[in-house]
């Protein structure tokens, strides 16, 4: 099991680091060159990584309200520039 992230992924996540770190209900874990973000013990976003220059991951069906909040912040920071 590898516990490191690519420079591209780290740079893509930098705008979210403060938000993730300040939210006591979110727990980021590094595994196999990707990041999984847990919310209250359940995987909110799994295997967040860079593929073809895009930030991709798998979203679990649990905690949809929290995911939508995080997704809104992702949209504001990454898509709107």
C-alpha atoms as a PDB file:
ATOM      1  CA  UNK A   1       0.000   0.000   0.000  1.00  0.00           C
ATOM      2  CA  UNK A   2       1.423   3.360  -1.041  1.00  0.00           C
ATOM      3  CA  UNK A   3       0.795   6.440   1.070  1.00  0.00           C
ATOM      4  CA  UNK A   4       1.860   9.271  -1.189  1.00  0.00           C
ATOM      5  CA  UNK A   5       0.123  11.646  -3.582  1.00  0.00           C
ATOM      6  CA  UNK A   6       1.310  13.021  -6.895  1.00  0.00           C
ATOM      7  CA  UNK A   7       2.290  16.672  -7.112  1.00  0.00           C
ATOM      8  CA  UNK A   8      -0.618  17.225  -9.531  1.00  0.00           C
ATOM      9  CA  UNK A   9      -3.129  15.869  -7.013  1.00  0.00           C
ATOM     10  CA  UNK A  10      -1.653  17.888  -4.173  1.00  0.00           C
ATOM     11  CA  UNK A  11      -1.861  21.068  -6.262  1.00  0.00           C
ATOM     12  CA  UNK A  12      -5.476  20.305  -7.234  1.00  0.00           C
ATOM     13  CA  UNK A  13      -6.421  19.778  -3.578  1.00  0.00           C
ATOM     14  CA  UNK A  14      -4.642  22.817  -2.143  1.00  0.00           C
ATOM     15  CA  UNK A  15      -7.749  25.060  -2.323  1.00  0.00           C
ATOM     16  CA  UNK A  16      -9.693  22.508  -0.246  1.00  0.00           C
ATOM     17  CA  UNK A  17      -7.051  21.667   2.354  1.00  0.00           C
ATOM     18  CA  UNK A  18      -8.093  24.380   4.803  1.00  0.00           C
ATOM     19  CA  UNK A  19     -11.778  23.441   4.559  1.00  0.00           C
ATOM     20  CA  UNK A  20     -11.108  19.715   4.991  1.00  0.00           C
ATOM     21  CA  UNK A  21      -8.691  20.289   7.870  1.00  0.00           C
ATOM     22  CA  UNK A  22     -11.053  22.655   9.705  1.00  0.00           C
ATOM     23  CA  UNK A  23     -14.080  20.354   9.461  1.00  0.00           C
ATOM     24  CA  UNK A  24     -13.889  17.913  12.370  1.00  0.00           C
ATOM     25  CA  UNK A  25     -16.373  15.591  10.640  1.00  0.00           C
ATOM     26  CA  UNK A  26     -14.113  15.058   7.614  1.00  0.00           C
ATOM     27  CA  UNK A  27     -11.191  12.678   7.769  1.00  0.00           C
ATOM     28  CA  UNK A  28      -8.849  12.440   4.769  1.00  0.00           C
ATOM     29  CA  UNK A  29      -6.842   9.235   4.273  1.00  0.00           C
ATOM     30  CA  UNK A  30      -4.128   8.590   1.705  1.00  0.00           C
ATOM     31  CA  UNK A  31      -4.018   5.156   0.067  1.00  0.00           C
ATOM     32  CA  UNK A  32      -2.655   3.821  -3.200  1.00  0.00           C
ATOM     33  CA  UNK A  33      -1.760   7.248  -4.644  1.00  0.00           C
ATOM     34  CA  UNK A  34      -5.291   8.564  -4.023  1.00  0.00           C
ATOM     35  CA  UNK A  35      -7.265  10.316  -1.311  1.00  0.00           C
ATOM     36  CA  UNK A  36     -10.447   9.128   0.375  1.00  0.00           C
ATOM     37  CA  UNK A  37     -12.450  11.614   2.424  1.00  0.00           C
ATOM     38  CA  UNK A  38     -14.563  10.130   5.193  1.00  0.00           C
ATOM     39  CA  UNK A  39     -17.566  11.844   6.782  1.00  0.00           C
ATOM     40  CA  UNK A  40     -18.664  10.434  10.127  1.00  0.00           C
ATOM     41  CA  UNK A  41     -16.967   7.135   9.348  1.00  0.00           C
ATOM     42  CA  UNK A  42     -18.456   6.648   5.865  1.00  0.00           C
ATOM     43  CA  UNK A  43     -16.535   7.271   2.650  1.00  0.00           C
ATOM     44  CA  UNK A  44     -17.831  10.535   1.233  1.00  0.00           C
ATOM     45  CA  UNK A  45     -15.465  10.547  -1.755  1.00  0.00           C
ATOM     46  CA  UNK A  46     -13.315   7.525  -2.524  1.00  0.00           C
ATOM     47  CA  UNK A  47     -10.141   7.266  -4.557  1.00  0.00           C
ATOM     48  CA  UNK A  48      -9.834  10.946  -5.421  1.00  0.00           C
ATOM     49  CA  UNK A  49      -7.018  11.174  -7.972  1.00  0.00           C
ATOM     50  CA  UNK A  50      -5.886  12.804 -11.200  1.00  0.00           C
ATOM     51  CA  UNK A  51      -6.786  11.026 -14.441  1.00  0.00           C
ATOM     52  CA  UNK A  52      -6.130  12.636 -17.824  1.00  0.00           C
ATOM     53  CA  UNK A  53      -5.568  15.989 -16.080  1.00  0.00           C
ATOM     54  CA  UNK A  54      -8.984  15.792 -14.351  1.00  0.00           C
ATOM     55  CA  UNK A  55      -9.761  15.394 -10.662  1.00  0.00           C
ATOM     56  CA  UNK A  56     -11.907  12.240 -10.364  1.00  0.00           C
ATOM     57  CA  UNK A  57     -13.281  10.109  -7.549  1.00  0.00           C
ATOM     58  CA  UNK A  58     -16.156   7.853  -6.551  1.00  0.00           C
ATOM     59  CA  UNK A  59     -18.937   9.267  -4.410  1.00  0.00           C
ATOM     60  CA  UNK A  60     -20.763   7.021  -1.981  1.00  0.00           C
ATOM     61  CA  UNK A  61     -24.559   7.221  -1.719  1.00  0.00           C
ATOM     62  CA  UNK A  62     -24.434   8.064   1.987  1.00  0.00           C
ATOM     63  CA  UNK A  63     -24.512  11.601   3.331  1.00  0.00           C
ATOM     64  CA  UNK A  64     -25.798  13.205   0.138  1.00  0.00           C
ATOM     65  CA  UNK A  65     -26.359  16.571   1.832  1.00  0.00           C
ATOM     66  CA  UNK A  66     -22.710  16.788   2.926  1.00  0.00           C
ATOM     67  CA  UNK A  67     -21.488  15.692  -0.495  1.00  0.00           C
ATOM     68  CA  UNK A  68     -23.580  18.373  -2.189  1.00  0.00           C
ATOM     69  CA  UNK A  69     -22.069  21.001   0.106  1.00  0.00           C
ATOM     70  CA  UNK A  70     -18.540  19.816  -0.667  1.00  0.00           C
ATOM     71  CA  UNK A  71     -19.412  19.527  -4.368  1.00  0.00           C
ATOM     72  CA  UNK A  72     -20.618  23.121  -4.361  1.00  0.00           C
ATOM     73  CA  UNK A  73     -17.262  24.227  -2.959  1.00  0.00           C
ATOM     74  CA  UNK A  74     -15.434  22.128  -5.557  1.00  0.00           C
ATOM     75  CA  UNK A  75     -17.488  23.815  -8.271  1.00  0.00           C
ATOM     76  CA  UNK A  76     -16.779  27.281  -6.907  1.00  0.00           C
ATOM     77  CA  UNK A  77     -13.039  26.677  -6.665  1.00  0.00           C
ATOM     78  CA  UNK A  78     -12.254  24.525  -9.679  1.00  0.00           C
ATOM     79  CA  UNK A  79     -14.873  25.088 -12.370  1.00  0.00           C
ATOM     80  CA  UNK A  80     -15.525  28.800 -11.972  1.00  0.00           C
ATOM     81  CA  UNK A  81     -11.805  29.498 -11.598  1.00  0.00           C
END
